[in-house]
Amino acid sequence: MPTYQWRKSSYSADASNCVNVAAANGVIAMRESDEPEAILTTTPAALRAFIRTAKAGAFDRIQEG
């Protein structure tokens, strides 16, 4: 498993409920600060596509099944 240099948003201040992001070997890793052992990974292109889609409002009306 790679060693990640985790970063969090400067908007998070001292909050313990934020998302940390890291990049290594062409992979983007994300984790929640309150559960750091659960790490999700994706590619930069897939993350850009997800963010672009979210900003466009595609997930604004998701209904739970």
Protein backbone atom coordinates (compact mmCIF):
# COMPACT_ATOMS: atom_id res chain seq x y z
CA MET A 1 0.00 0.00 0.00
CA PRO A 2 1.42 3.42 -0.94
CA THR A 3 2.29 6.01 1.66
CA TYR A 4 -0.03 8.95 1.13
CA GLN A 5 0.55 12.59 2.01
CA TRP A 6 -2.99 13.41 3.14
CA ARG A 7 -4.42 16.92 2.68
CA LYS A 8 -7.62 18.47 3.93
CA SER A 9 -9.41 21.60 2.91
CA SER A 10 -8.45 24.81 4.64
CA TYR A 11 -12.20 25.36 5.07
CA SER A 12 -12.32 22.40 7.47
CA ALA A 13 -10.45 24.25 10.23
CA ASP A 14 -10.16 21.87 13.19
CA ALA A 15 -13.27 19.86 12.34
CA SER A 16 -12.89 16.11 12.67
CA ASN A 17 -15.52 15.33 10.04
CA CYS A 18 -13.79 16.22 6.80
CA VAL A 19 -12.55 14.44 3.69
CA ASN A 20 -8.81 13.97 3.23
CA VAL A 21 -7.36 13.66 -0.28
CA ALA A 22 -3.99 12.37 -1.49
CA ALA A 23 -2.34 11.51 -4.79
CA ALA A 24 0.29 8.85 -5.49
CA ASN A 25 1.35 6.90 -8.58
CA GLY A 26 -1.46 8.31 -10.74
CA VAL A 27 -4.15 7.40 -8.19
CA ILE A 28 -6.35 9.74 -6.15
CA ALA A 29 -7.13 8.46 -2.64
CA MET A 30 -9.89 9.81 -0.39
CA ARG A 31 -10.89 9.07 3.19
CA GLU A 32 -13.05 10.51 5.93
CA SER A 33 -11.07 11.89 8.84
CA ASP A 34 -13.28 10.09 11.37
CA GLU A 35 -12.68 6.70 9.66
CA PRO A 36 -9.16 6.94 8.18
CA GLU A 37 -8.71 3.22 7.53
CA ALA A 38 -11.51 3.23 4.90
CA ILE A 39 -9.79 4.54 1.76
CA LEU A 40 -11.45 4.98 -1.63
CA THR A 41 -9.30 5.27 -4.75
CA THR A 42 -10.01 6.55 -8.23
CA THR A 43 -8.24 8.03 -11.23
CA PRO A 44 -7.84 11.78 -11.75
CA ALA A 45 -10.05 11.62 -14.87
CA ALA A 46 -12.86 9.79 -13.07
CA LEU A 47 -12.74 12.23 -10.14
CA ARG A 48 -12.85 15.22 -12.52
CA ALA A 49 -15.87 13.70 -14.29
CA PHE A 50 -17.64 13.08 -10.97
CA ILE A 51 -17.01 16.64 -9.74
CA ARG A 52 -18.13 18.14 -13.07
CA THR A 53 -21.33 16.05 -12.97
CA ALA A 54 -22.04 16.95 -9.33
CA LYS A 55 -21.54 20.67 -10.04
CA ALA A 56 -23.99 20.36 -12.93
CA GLY A 57 -26.63 19.13 -10.46
CA ALA A 58 -26.93 15.55 -11.64
CA PHE A 59 -27.13 14.25 -8.07
CA ASP A 60 -29.43 16.92 -6.64
CA ARG A 61 -32.53 14.74 -6.63
CA ILE A 62 -31.24 11.26 -5.81
CA GLN A 63 -33.89 9.20 -4.02
CA GLU A 64 -33.03 6.38 -1.68
CA GLY A 65 -34.41 3.08 -2.79
